[in-house]
Amino acid sequence: MILHCVFCQFRAEADQQMRDGVMGELDAFASGLEGVISFDFGPNRDFEGKSVGFTDGFVIRFANRSALDTYAEHPTHKALGARLCALCVGGTDGIMVFDLTV
């Protein structure tokens, strides 16, 4: 299983409605793909103070690498990803991705 973790530094102008909108669309899109087990998103609580600036994130569980590749290459993912980047500090610089094999 692949755990795809995405952490975002949203710009101050990106209000909660904008954030929730793009996250909700990513959830609806990903959840309809074969091999997607779950999609969860929300605000960063940062209880340990180790991720300053990363305000929100999401995690997708994929059955395997092939499912992740299908998601990554899909035109809808690319369009939603561009919208997400536009809401983040420095565009792609405001996004951190971890892919873990679990």
PDB file of N, CA and C in Angstrom:
ATOM      1  N   MET A   1       0.848  -1.163   0.000  1.00  0.00           N
ATOM      2  CA  MET A   1       0.000   0.000   0.000  1.00  0.00           C
ATOM      3  C   MET A   1       0.900   1.235   0.000  1.00  0.00           C
ATOM      4  N   ILE A   2       0.453   2.274  -0.704  1.00  0.00           N
ATOM      5  CA  ILE A   2       1.166   3.545  -0.766  1.00  0.00           C
ATOM      6  C   ILE A   2       0.351   4.593  -0.020  1.00  0.00           C
ATOM      7  N   LEU A   3       1.002   5.300   0.876  1.00  0.00           N
ATOM      8  CA  LEU A   3       0.392   6.409   1.593  1.00  0.00           C
ATOM      9  C   LEU A   3       0.958   7.691   0.978  1.00  0.00           C
ATOM     10  N   HIS A   4       0.110   8.421   0.275  1.00  0.00           N
ATOM     11  CA  HIS A   4       0.480   9.658  -0.436  1.00  0.00           C
ATOM     12  C   HIS A   4       0.084  10.829   0.459  1.00  0.00           C
ATOM     13  N   CYS A   5       1.078  11.501   1.036  1.00  0.00           N
ATOM     14  CA  CYS A   5       0.853  12.582   2.005  1.00  0.00           C
ATOM     15  C   CYS A   5       1.243  13.908   1.369  1.00  0.00           C
ATOM     16  N   VAL A   6       0.330  14.867   1.400  1.00  0.00           N
ATOM     17  CA  VAL A   6       0.563  16.174   0.785  1.00  0.00           C
ATOM     18  C   VAL A   6       0.301  17.247   1.834  1.00  0.00           C
ATOM     19  N   PHE A   7       1.291  18.116   2.044  1.00  0.00           N
ATOM     20  CA  PHE A   7       1.200  19.171   3.047  1.00  0.00           C
ATOM     21  C   PHE A   7       1.318  20.522   2.350  1.00  0.00           C
ATOM     22  N   CYS A   8       0.450  21.463   2.736  1.00  0.00           N
ATOM     23  CA  CYS A   8       0.322  22.731   2.013  1.00  0.00           C
ATOM     24  C   CYS A   8       0.581  23.938   2.898  1.00  0.00           C
ATOM     25  N   GLN A   9       1.267  24.927   2.319  1.00  0.00           N
ATOM     26  CA  GLN A   9       1.421  26.247   2.922  1.00  0.00           C
ATOM     27  C   GLN A   9       0.518  27.182   2.130  1.00  0.00           C
ATOM     28  N   PHE A  10      -0.706  27.337   2.584  1.00  0.00           N
ATOM     29  CA  PHE A  10      -1.641  28.183   1.855  1.00  0.00           C
ATOM     30  C   PHE A  10      -1.324  29.658   2.046  1.00  0.00           C
ATOM     31  N   ARG A  11      -1.528  30.426   0.990  1.00  0.00           N
ATOM     32  CA  ARG A  11      -1.388  31.875   1.059  1.00  0.00           C
ATOM     33  C   ARG A  11      -2.483  32.437   1.963  1.00  0.00           C
ATOM     34  N   ALA A  12      -2.231  33.571   2.568  1.00  0.00           N
ATOM     35  CA  ALA A  12      -3.202  34.202   3.466  1.00  0.00           C
ATOM     36  C   ALA A  12      -4.515  34.496   2.742  1.00  0.00           C
ATOM     37  N   GLU A  13      -4.449  34.814   1.453  1.00  0.00           N
ATOM     38  CA  GLU A  13      -5.652  35.138   0.677  1.00  0.00           C
ATOM     39  C   GLU A  13      -6.500  33.904   0.357  1.00  0.00           C
ATOM     40  N   ALA A  14      -5.939  32.732   0.544  1.00  0.00           N
ATOM     41  CA  ALA A  14      -6.664  31.486   0.262  1.00  0.00           C
ATOM     42  C   ALA A  14      -7.534  31.169   1.473  1.00  0.00           C
ATOM     43  N   ASP A  15      -8.777  31.644   1.449  1.00  0.00           N
ATOM     44  CA  ASP A  15      -9.649  31.462   2.608  1.00  0.00           C
ATOM     45  C   ASP A  15     -10.085  30.000   2.740  1.00  0.00           C
ATOM     46  N   GLN A  16     -10.730  29.705   3.851  1.00  0.00           N
ATOM     47  CA  GLN A  16     -11.109  28.319   4.149  1.00  0.00           C
ATOM     48  C   GLN A  16     -12.042  27.736   3.101  1.00  0.00           C
ATOM     49  N   GLN A  17     -12.916  28.547   2.550  1.00  0.00           N
ATOM     50  CA  GLN A  17     -13.828  28.061   1.518  1.00  0.00           C
ATOM     51  C   GLN A  17     -13.053  27.627   0.272  1.00  0.00           C
ATOM     52  N   MET A  18     -12.038  28.384  -0.109  1.00  0.00           N
ATOM     53  CA  MET A  18     -11.216  28.020  -1.265  1.00  0.00           C
ATOM     54  C   MET A  18     -10.441  26.731  -0.985  1.00  0.00           C
ATOM     55  N   ARG A  19      -9.877  26.631   0.209  1.00  0.00           N
ATOM     56  CA  ARG A  19      -9.110  25.439   0.594  1.00  0.00           C
ATOM     57  C   ARG A  19      -9.995  24.199   0.589  1.00  0.00           C
ATOM     58  N   ASP A  20     -11.132  24.320   1.275  1.00  0.00           N
ATOM     59  CA  ASP A  20     -12.048  23.182   1.351  1.00  0.00           C
ATOM     60  C   ASP A  20     -12.592  22.807  -0.025  1.00  0.00           C
ATOM     61  N   GLY A  21     -12.772  23.807  -0.878  1.00  0.00           N
ATOM     62  CA  GLY A  21     -13.289  23.538  -2.218  1.00  0.00           C
ATOM     63  C   GLY A  21     -12.368  22.647  -3.028  1.00  0.00           C
ATOM     64  N   VAL A  22     -11.101  23.013  -3.098  1.00  0.00           N
ATOM     65  CA  VAL A  22     -10.164  22.212  -3.895  1.00  0.00           C
ATOM     66  C   VAL A  22      -9.909  20.862  -3.236  1.00  0.00           C
ATOM     67  N   MET A  23      -9.861  20.820  -1.903  1.00  0.00           N
ATOM     68  CA  MET A  23      -9.673  19.535  -1.214  1.00  0.00           C
ATOM     69  C   MET A  23     -10.877  18.622  -1.454  1.00  0.00           C
ATOM     70  N   GLY A  24     -12.071  19.179  -1.395  1.00  0.00           N
ATOM     71  CA  GLY A  24     -13.274  18.392  -1.639  1.00  0.00           C
ATOM     72  C   GLY A  24     -13.322  17.840  -3.055  1.00  0.00           C
ATOM     73  N   GLU A  25     -12.893  18.645  -4.012  1.00  0.00           N
ATOM     74  CA  GLU A  25     -12.860  18.176  -5.400  1.00  0.00           C
ATOM     75  C   GLU A  25     -11.808  17.092  -5.583  1.00  0.00           C
ATOM     76  N   LEU A  26     -10.654  17.233  -4.936  1.00  0.00           N
ATOM     77  CA  LEU A  26      -9.640  16.175  -4.991  1.00  0.00           C
ATOM     78  C   LEU A  26     -10.181  14.884  -4.373  1.00  0.00           C
ATOM     79  N   ASP A  27     -10.883  15.020  -3.256  1.00  0.00           N
ATOM     80  CA  ASP A  27     -11.482  13.858  -2.596  1.00  0.00           C
ATOM     81  C   ASP A  27     -12.473  13.166  -3.524  1.00  0.00           C
ATOM     82  N   ALA A  28     -13.381  13.934  -4.113  1.00  0.00           N
ATOM     83  CA  ALA A  28     -14.398  13.350  -5.007  1.00  0.00           C
ATOM     84  C   ALA A  28     -13.747  12.670  -6.206  1.00  0.00           C
ATOM     85  N   PHE A  29     -12.738  13.308  -6.769  1.00  0.00           N
ATOM     86  CA  PHE A  29     -12.037  12.732  -7.925  1.00  0.00           C
ATOM     87  C   PHE A  29     -11.318  11.445  -7.536  1.00  0.00           C
ATOM     88  N   ALA A  30     -10.462  11.526  -6.505  1.00  0.00           N
ATOM     89  CA  ALA A  30      -9.640  10.376  -6.123  1.00  0.00           C
ATOM     90  C   ALA A  30     -10.501   9.201  -5.673  1.00  0.00           C
ATOM     91  N   SER A  31     -11.550   9.491  -4.933  1.00  0.00           N
ATOM     92  CA  SER A  31     -12.390   8.425  -4.400  1.00  0.00           C
ATOM     93  C   SER A  31     -13.099   7.626  -5.486  1.00  0.00           C
ATOM     94  N   GLY A  32     -13.176   8.183  -6.684  1.00  0.00           N
ATOM     95  CA  GLY A  32     -13.801   7.473  -7.795  1.00  0.00           C
ATOM     96  C   GLY A  32     -12.848   6.615  -8.599  1.00  0.00           C
ATOM     97  N   LEU A  33     -11.574   6.635  -8.248  1.00  0.00           N
ATOM     98  CA  LEU A  33     -10.569   5.874  -9.003  1.00  0.00           C
ATOM     99  C   LEU A  33     -10.362   4.487  -8.407  1.00  0.00           C
ATOM    100  N   GLU A  34     -10.162   3.520  -9.276  1.00  0.00           N
ATOM    101  CA  GLU A  34      -9.842   2.166  -8.838  1.00  0.00           C
ATOM    102  C   GLU A  34      -8.502   2.184  -8.107  1.00  0.00           C
ATOM    103  N   GLY A  35      -8.447   1.491  -7.001  1.00  0.00           N
ATOM    104  CA  GLY A  35      -7.202   1.390  -6.244  1.00  0.00           C
ATOM    105  C   GLY A  35      -7.035   2.451  -5.175  1.00  0.00           C
ATOM    106  N   VAL A  36      -7.977   3.384  -5.068  1.00  0.00           N
ATOM    107  CA  VAL A  36      -7.932   4.369  -3.987  1.00  0.00           C
ATOM    108  C   VAL A  36      -8.713   3.804  -2.813  1.00  0.00           C
ATOM    109  N   ILE A  37      -8.055   3.695  -1.681  1.00  0.00           N
ATOM    110  CA  ILE A  37      -8.658   3.108  -0.490  1.00  0.00           C
ATOM    111  C   ILE A  37      -9.333   4.178   0.363  1.00  0.00           C
ATOM    112  N   SER A  38      -8.669   5.317   0.513  1.00  0.00           N
ATOM    113  CA  SER A  38      -9.251   6.387   1.326  1.00  0.00           C
ATOM    114  C   SER A  38      -8.604   7.723   0.990  1.00  0.00           C
ATOM    115  N   PHE A  39      -9.318   8.785   1.325  1.00  0.00           N
ATOM    116  CA  PHE A  39      -8.840  10.161   1.159  1.00  0.00           C
ATOM    117  C   PHE A  39      -9.278  10.925   2.399  1.00  0.00           C
ATOM    118  N   ASP A  40      -8.321  11.536   3.083  1.00  0.00           N
ATOM    119  CA  ASP A  40      -8.615  12.333   4.269  1.00  0.00           C
ATOM    120  C   ASP A  40      -7.882  13.666   4.161  1.00  0.00           C
ATOM    121  N   PHE A  41      -8.554  14.748   4.559  1.00  0.00           N
ATOM    122  CA  PHE A  41      -7.905  16.053   4.557  1.00  0.00           C
ATOM    123  C   PHE A  41      -8.360  16.871   5.752  1.00  0.00           C
ATOM    124  N   GLY A  42      -7.543  17.866   6.079  1.00  0.00           N
ATOM    125  CA  GLY A  42      -7.908  18.742   7.179  1.00  0.00           C
ATOM    126  C   GLY A  42      -6.786  19.692   7.526  1.00  0.00           C
ATOM    127  N   PRO A  43      -7.049  20.533   8.523  1.00  0.00           N
ATOM    128  CA  PRO A  43      -6.043  21.503   8.958  1.00  0.00           C
ATOM    129  C   PRO A  43      -4.948  20.828   9.779  1.00  0.00           C
ATOM    130  N   ASN A  44      -3.763  21.406   9.721  1.00  0.00           N
ATOM    131  CA  ASN A  44      -2.625  20.920  10.487  1.00  0.00           C
ATOM    132  C   ASN A  44      -2.761  21.399  11.928  1.00  0.00           C
ATOM    133  N   ARG A  45      -2.786  20.502  12.867  1.00  0.00           N
ATOM    134  CA  ARG A  45      -2.868  20.867  14.283  1.00  0.00           C
ATOM    135  C   ARG A  45      -1.487  21.136  14.874  1.00  0.00           C
ATOM    136  N   ASP A  46      -0.432  20.581  14.287  1.00  0.00           N
ATOM    137  CA  ASP A  46       0.967  20.826  14.671  1.00  0.00           C
ATOM    138  C   ASP A  46       1.178  20.842  16.180  1.00  0.00           C
ATOM    139  N   PHE A  47       0.751  19.809  16.855  1.00  0.00           N
ATOM    140  CA  PHE A  47       0.849  19.729  18.303  1.00  0.00           C
ATOM    141  C   PHE A  47       2.290  19.804  18.810  1.00  0.00           C
ATOM    142  N   GLU A  48       3.263  19.417  17.964  1.00  0.00           N
ATOM    143  CA  GLU A  48       4.660  19.432  18.383  1.00  0.00           C
ATOM    144  C   GLU A  48       5.416  20.663  17.894  1.00  0.00           C
ATOM    145  N   GLY A  49       4.778  21.502  17.095  1.00  0.00           N
ATOM    146  CA  GLY A  49       5.445  22.705  16.595  1.00  0.00           C
ATOM    147  C   GLY A  49       6.556  22.405  15.610  1.00  0.00           C
ATOM    148  N   LYS A  50       6.410  21.360  14.814  1.00  0.00           N
ATOM    149  CA  LYS A  50       7.459  20.926  13.894  1.00  0.00           C
ATOM    150  C   LYS A  50       7.161  21.225  12.424  1.00  0.00           C
ATOM    151  N   SER A  51       5.994  21.793  12.151  1.00  0.00           N
ATOM    152  CA  SER A  51       5.634  22.016  10.739  1.00  0.00           C
ATOM    153  C   SER A  51       5.040  23.410  10.542  1.00  0.00           C
ATOM    154  N   VAL A  52       5.726  24.378  11.083  1.00  0.00           N
ATOM    155  CA  VAL A  52       5.276  25.769  11.005  1.00  0.00           C
ATOM    156  C   VAL A  52       5.082  26.174   9.550  1.00  0.00           C
ATOM    157  N   GLY A  53       3.951  26.800   9.273  1.00  0.00           N
ATOM    158  CA  GLY A  53       3.660  27.277   7.923  1.00  0.00           C
ATOM    159  C   GLY A  53       2.833  26.320   7.098  1.00  0.00           C
ATOM    160  N   PHE A  54       2.908  25.037   7.392  1.00  0.00           N
ATOM    161  CA  PHE A  54       2.090  24.060   6.667  1.00  0.00           C
ATOM    162  C   PHE A  54       0.728  24.009   7.350  1.00  0.00           C
ATOM    163  N   THR A  55      -0.252  24.628   6.723  1.00  0.00           N
ATOM    164  CA  THR A  55      -1.536  24.875   7.358  1.00  0.00           C
ATOM    165  C   THR A  55      -2.549  23.751   7.191  1.00  0.00           C
ATOM    166  N   ASP A  56      -2.443  23.000   6.122  1.00  0.00           N
ATOM    167  CA  ASP A  56      -3.435  21.982   5.786  1.00  0.00           C
ATOM    168  C   ASP A  56      -2.744  20.834   5.061  1.00  0.00           C
ATOM    169  N   GLY A  57      -3.460  19.733   4.934  1.00  0.00           N
ATOM    170  CA  GLY A  57      -2.900  18.626   4.176  1.00  0.00           C
ATOM    171  C   GLY A  57      -3.934  17.569   3.877  1.00  0.00           C
ATOM    172  N   PHE A  58      -3.500  16.600   3.077  1.00  0.00           N
ATOM    173  CA  PHE A  58      -4.353  15.450   2.793  1.00  0.00           C
ATOM    174  C   PHE A  58      -3.509  14.210   2.625  1.00  0.00           C
ATOM    175  N   VAL A  59      -4.166  13.071   2.837  1.00  0.00           N
ATOM    176  CA  VAL A  59      -3.521  11.772   2.729  1.00  0.00           C
ATOM    177  C   VAL A  59      -4.423  10.875   1.900  1.00  0.00           C
ATOM    178  N   ILE A  60      -3.834  10.221   0.901  1.00  0.00           N
ATOM    179  CA  ILE A  60      -4.564   9.252   0.092  1.00  0.00           C
ATOM    180  C   ILE A  60      -3.883   7.897   0.255  1.00  0.00           C
ATOM    181  N   ARG A  61      -4.691   6.885   0.530  1.00  0.00           N
ATOM    182  CA  ARG A  61      -4.172   5.511   0.588  1.00  0.00           C
ATOM    183  C   ARG A  61      -4.479   4.840  -0.743  1.00  0.00           C
ATOM    184  N   PHE A  62      -3.417   4.386  -1.395  1.00  0.00           N
ATOM    185  CA  PHE A  62      -3.535   3.678  -2.668  1.00  0.00           C
ATOM    186  C   PHE A  62      -3.207   2.205  -2.442  1.00  0.00           C
ATOM    187  N   ALA A  63      -3.907   1.345  -3.142  1.00  0.00           N
ATOM    188  CA  ALA A  63      -3.666  -0.095  -3.025  1.00  0.00           C
ATOM    189  C   ALA A  63      -2.249  -0.468  -3.464  1.00  0.00           C
ATOM    190  N   ASN A  64      -1.737   0.270  -4.460  1.00  0.00           N
ATOM    191  CA  ASN A  64      -0.421  -0.062  -5.008  1.00  0.00           C
ATOM    192  C   ASN A  64       0.128   1.126  -5.813  1.00  0.00           C
ATOM    193  N   ARG A  65       1.330   0.973  -6.283  1.00  0.00           N
ATOM    194  CA  ARG A  65       1.998   2.035  -7.045  1.00  0.00           C
ATOM    195  C   ARG A  65       1.265   2.332  -8.352  1.00  0.00           C
ATOM    196  N   SER A  66       0.712   1.328  -8.965  1.00  0.00           N
ATOM    197  CA  SER A  66      -0.021   1.517 -10.211  1.00  0.00           C
ATOM    198  C   SER A  66      -1.208   2.459 -10.013  1.00  0.00           C
ATOM    199  N   ALA A  67      -1.927   2.318  -8.912  1.00  0.00           N
ATOM    200  CA  ALA A  67      -3.060   3.203  -8.626  1.00  0.00           C
ATOM    201  C   ALA A  67      -2.582   4.639  -8.424  1.00  0.00           C
ATOM    202  N   LEU A  68      -1.462   4.820  -7.725  1.00  0.00           N
ATOM    203  CA  LEU A  68      -0.886   6.161  -7.554  1.00  0.00           C
ATOM    204  C   LEU A  68      -0.497   6.753  -8.898  1.00  0.00           C
ATOM    205  N   ASP A  69       0.124   5.959  -9.758  1.00  0.00           N
ATOM    206  CA  ASP A  69       0.532   6.439 -11.084  1.00  0.00           C
ATOM    207  C   ASP A  69      -0.672   6.856 -11.921  1.00  0.00           C
ATOM    208  N   THR A  70      -1.745   6.082 -11.851  1.00  0.00           N
ATOM    209  CA  THR A  70      -2.966   6.415 -12.583  1.00  0.00           C
ATOM    210  C   THR A  70      -3.503   7.757 -12.108  1.00  0.00           C
ATOM    211  N   TYR A  71      -3.554   7.953 -10.804  1.00  0.00           N
ATOM    212  CA  TYR A  71      -4.002   9.209 -10.205  1.00  0.00           C
ATOM    213  C   TYR A  71      -3.108  10.369 -10.656  1.00  0.00           C
ATOM    214  N   ALA A  72      -1.796  10.185 -10.549  1.00  0.00           N
ATOM    215  CA  ALA A  72      -0.840  11.262 -10.845  1.00  0.00           C
ATOM    216  C   ALA A  72      -0.894  11.711 -12.298  1.00  0.00           C
ATOM    217  N   GLU A  73      -1.139  10.800 -13.203  1.00  0.00           N
ATOM    218  CA  GLU A  73      -1.124  11.126 -14.629  1.00  0.00           C
ATOM    219  C   GLU A  73      -2.479  11.563 -15.177  1.00  0.00           C
ATOM    220  N   HIS A  74      -3.515  11.449 -14.385  1.00  0.00           N
ATOM    221  CA  HIS A  74      -4.859  11.781 -14.855  1.00  0.00           C
ATOM    222  C   HIS A  74      -5.001  13.289 -15.084  1.00  0.00           C
ATOM    223  N   PRO A  75      -5.623  13.711 -16.182  1.00  0.00           N
ATOM    224  CA  PRO A  75      -5.793  15.143 -16.468  1.00  0.00           C
ATOM    225  C   PRO A  75      -6.560  15.895 -15.376  1.00  0.00           C
ATOM    226  N   THR A  76      -7.507  15.242 -14.728  1.00  0.00           N
ATOM    227  CA  THR A  76      -8.247  15.904 -13.643  1.00  0.00           C
ATOM    228  C   THR A  76      -7.325  16.190 -12.470  1.00  0.00           C
ATOM    229  N   HIS A  77      -6.452  15.242 -12.142  1.00  0.00           N
ATOM    230  CA  HIS A  77      -5.483  15.470 -11.070  1.00  0.00           C
ATOM    231  C   HIS A  77      -4.575  16.640 -11.420  1.00  0.00           C
ATOM    232  N   LYS A  78      -4.122  16.679 -12.640  1.00  0.00           N
ATOM    233  CA  LYS A  78      -3.225  17.766 -13.050  1.00  0.00           C
ATOM    234  C   LYS A  78      -3.915  19.124 -12.957  1.00  0.00           C
ATOM    235  N   ALA A  79      -5.178  19.199 -13.342  1.00  0.00           N
ATOM    236  CA  ALA A  79      -5.923  20.460 -13.272  1.00  0.00           C
ATOM    237  C   ALA A  79      -6.164  20.871 -11.817  1.00  0.00           C
ATOM    238  N   LEU A  80      -6.572  19.929 -10.989  1.00  0.00           N
ATOM    239  CA  LEU A  80      -6.801  20.238  -9.582  1.00  0.00           C
ATOM    240  C   LEU A  80      -5.488  20.567  -8.873  1.00  0.00           C
ATOM    241  N   GLY A  81      -4.432  19.875  -9.246  1.00  0.00           N
ATOM    242  CA  GLY A  81      -3.114  20.165  -8.685  1.00  0.00           C
ATOM    243  C   GLY A  81      -2.663  21.574  -9.011  1.00  0.00           C
ATOM    244  N   ALA A  82      -2.935  22.024 -10.224  1.00  0.00           N
ATOM    245  CA  ALA A  82      -2.583  23.395 -10.613  1.00  0.00           C
ATOM    246  C   ALA A  82      -3.370  24.400  -9.780  1.00  0.00           C
ATOM    247  N   ARG A  83      -4.645  24.108  -9.542  1.00  0.00           N
ATOM    248  CA  ARG A  83      -5.459  24.992  -8.692  1.00  0.00           C
ATOM    249  C   ARG A  83      -4.925  25.023  -7.265  1.00  0.00           C
ATOM    250  N   LEU A  84      -4.539  23.863  -6.754  1.00  0.00           N
ATOM    251  CA  LEU A  84      -3.978  23.782  -5.409  1.00  0.00           C
ATOM    252  C   LEU A  84      -2.684  24.595  -5.322  1.00  0.00           C
ATOM    253  N   CYS A  85      -1.811  24.425  -6.302  1.00  0.00           N
ATOM    254  CA  CYS A  85      -0.543  25.171  -6.318  1.00  0.00           C
ATOM    255  C   CYS A  85      -0.781  26.673  -6.347  1.00  0.00           C
ATOM    256  N   ALA A  86      -1.774  27.108  -7.084  1.00  0.00           N
ATOM    257  CA  ALA A  86      -2.074  28.537  -7.185  1.00  0.00           C
ATOM    258  C   ALA A  86      -2.492  29.126  -5.837  1.00  0.00           C
ATOM    259  N   LEU A  87      -2.973  28.296  -4.922  1.00  0.00           N
ATOM    260  CA  LEU A  87      -3.398  28.764  -3.601  1.00  0.00           C
ATOM    261  C   LEU A  87      -2.263  28.757  -2.577  1.00  0.00           C
ATOM    262  N   CYS A  88      -1.116  28.182  -2.954  1.00  0.00           N
ATOM    263  CA  CYS A  88      -0.021  27.996  -2.005  1.00  0.00           C
ATOM    264  C   CYS A  88       1.079  29.033  -2.170  1.00  0.00           C
ATOM    265  N   VAL A  89       1.780  29.282  -1.083  1.00  0.00           N
ATOM    266  CA  VAL A  89       2.907  30.212  -1.065  1.00  0.00           C
ATOM    267  C   VAL A  89       3.968  29.723  -2.047  1.00  0.00           C
ATOM    268  N   GLY A  90       4.287  30.520  -3.039  1.00  0.00           N
ATOM    269  CA  GLY A  90       5.310  30.149  -4.007  1.00  0.00           C
ATOM    270  C   GLY A  90       4.898  29.060  -4.972  1.00  0.00           C
ATOM    271  N   GLY A  91       3.602  28.793  -5.093  1.00  0.00           N
ATOM    272  CA  GLY A  91       3.144  27.748  -6.019  1.00  0.00           C
ATOM    273  C   GLY A  91       3.584  26.379  -5.540  1.00  0.00           C
ATOM    274  N   THR A  92       4.316  25.662  -6.378  1.00  0.00           N
ATOM    275  CA  THR A  92       4.755  24.310  -6.007  1.00  0.00           C
ATOM    276  C   THR A  92       5.700  24.312  -4.813  1.00  0.00           C
ATOM    277  N   ASP A  93       6.376  25.437  -4.556  1.00  0.00           N
ATOM    278  CA  ASP A  93       7.271  25.518  -3.394  1.00  0.00           C
ATOM    279  C   ASP A  93       6.496  25.435  -2.082  1.00  0.00           C
ATOM    280  N   GLY A  94       5.207  25.736  -2.104  1.00  0.00           N
ATOM    281  CA  GLY A  94       4.379  25.696  -0.919  1.00  0.00           C
ATOM    282  C   GLY A  94       3.717  24.355  -0.661  1.00  0.00           C
ATOM    283  N   ILE A  95       4.213  23.331  -1.340  1.00  0.00           N
ATOM    284  CA  ILE A  95       3.636  21.985  -1.191  1.00  0.00           C
ATOM    285  C   ILE A  95       4.770  20.983  -0.924  1.00  0.00           C
ATOM    286  N   MET A  96       4.552  20.122   0.065  1.00  0.00           N
ATOM    287  CA  MET A  96       5.499  19.046   0.357  1.00  0.00           C
ATOM    288  C   MET A  96       4.760  17.726   0.187  1.00  0.00           C
ATOM    289  N   VAL A  97       5.390  16.772  -0.480  1.00  0.00           N
ATOM    290  CA  VAL A  97       4.774  15.465  -0.729  1.00  0.00           C
ATOM    291  C   VAL A  97       5.680  14.370  -0.177  1.00  0.00           C
ATOM    292  N   PHE A  98       5.079  13.426   0.540  1.00  0.00           N
ATOM    293  CA  PHE A  98       5.740  12.214   0.986  1.00  0.00           C
ATOM    294  C   PHE A  98       4.935  11.036   0.474  1.00  0.00           C
ATOM    295  N   ASP A  99       5.600  10.100  -0.159  1.00  0.00           N
ATOM    296  CA  ASP A  99       4.974   8.853  -0.562  1.00  0.00           C
ATOM    297  C   ASP A  99       5.639   7.730   0.226  1.00  0.00           C
ATOM    298  N   LEU A 100       4.858   7.064   1.057  1.00  0.00           N
ATOM    299  CA  LEU A 100       5.375   6.015   1.924  1.00  0.00           C
ATOM    300  C   LEU A 100       4.800   4.669   1.525  1.00  0.00           C
ATOM    301  N   THR A 101       5.641   3.652   1.506  1.00  0.00           N
ATOM    302  CA  THR A 101       5.166   2.295   1.331  1.00  0.00           C
ATOM    303  C   THR A 101       4.862   1.763   2.715  1.00  0.00           C
ATOM    304  N   VAL A 102       3.604   1.380   2.932  1.00  0.00           N
ATOM    305  CA  VAL A 102       3.202   0.922   4.263  1.00  0.00           C
ATOM    306  C   VAL A 102       2.582  -0.473   4.188  1.00  0.00           C
TER     307      VAL A 102
END
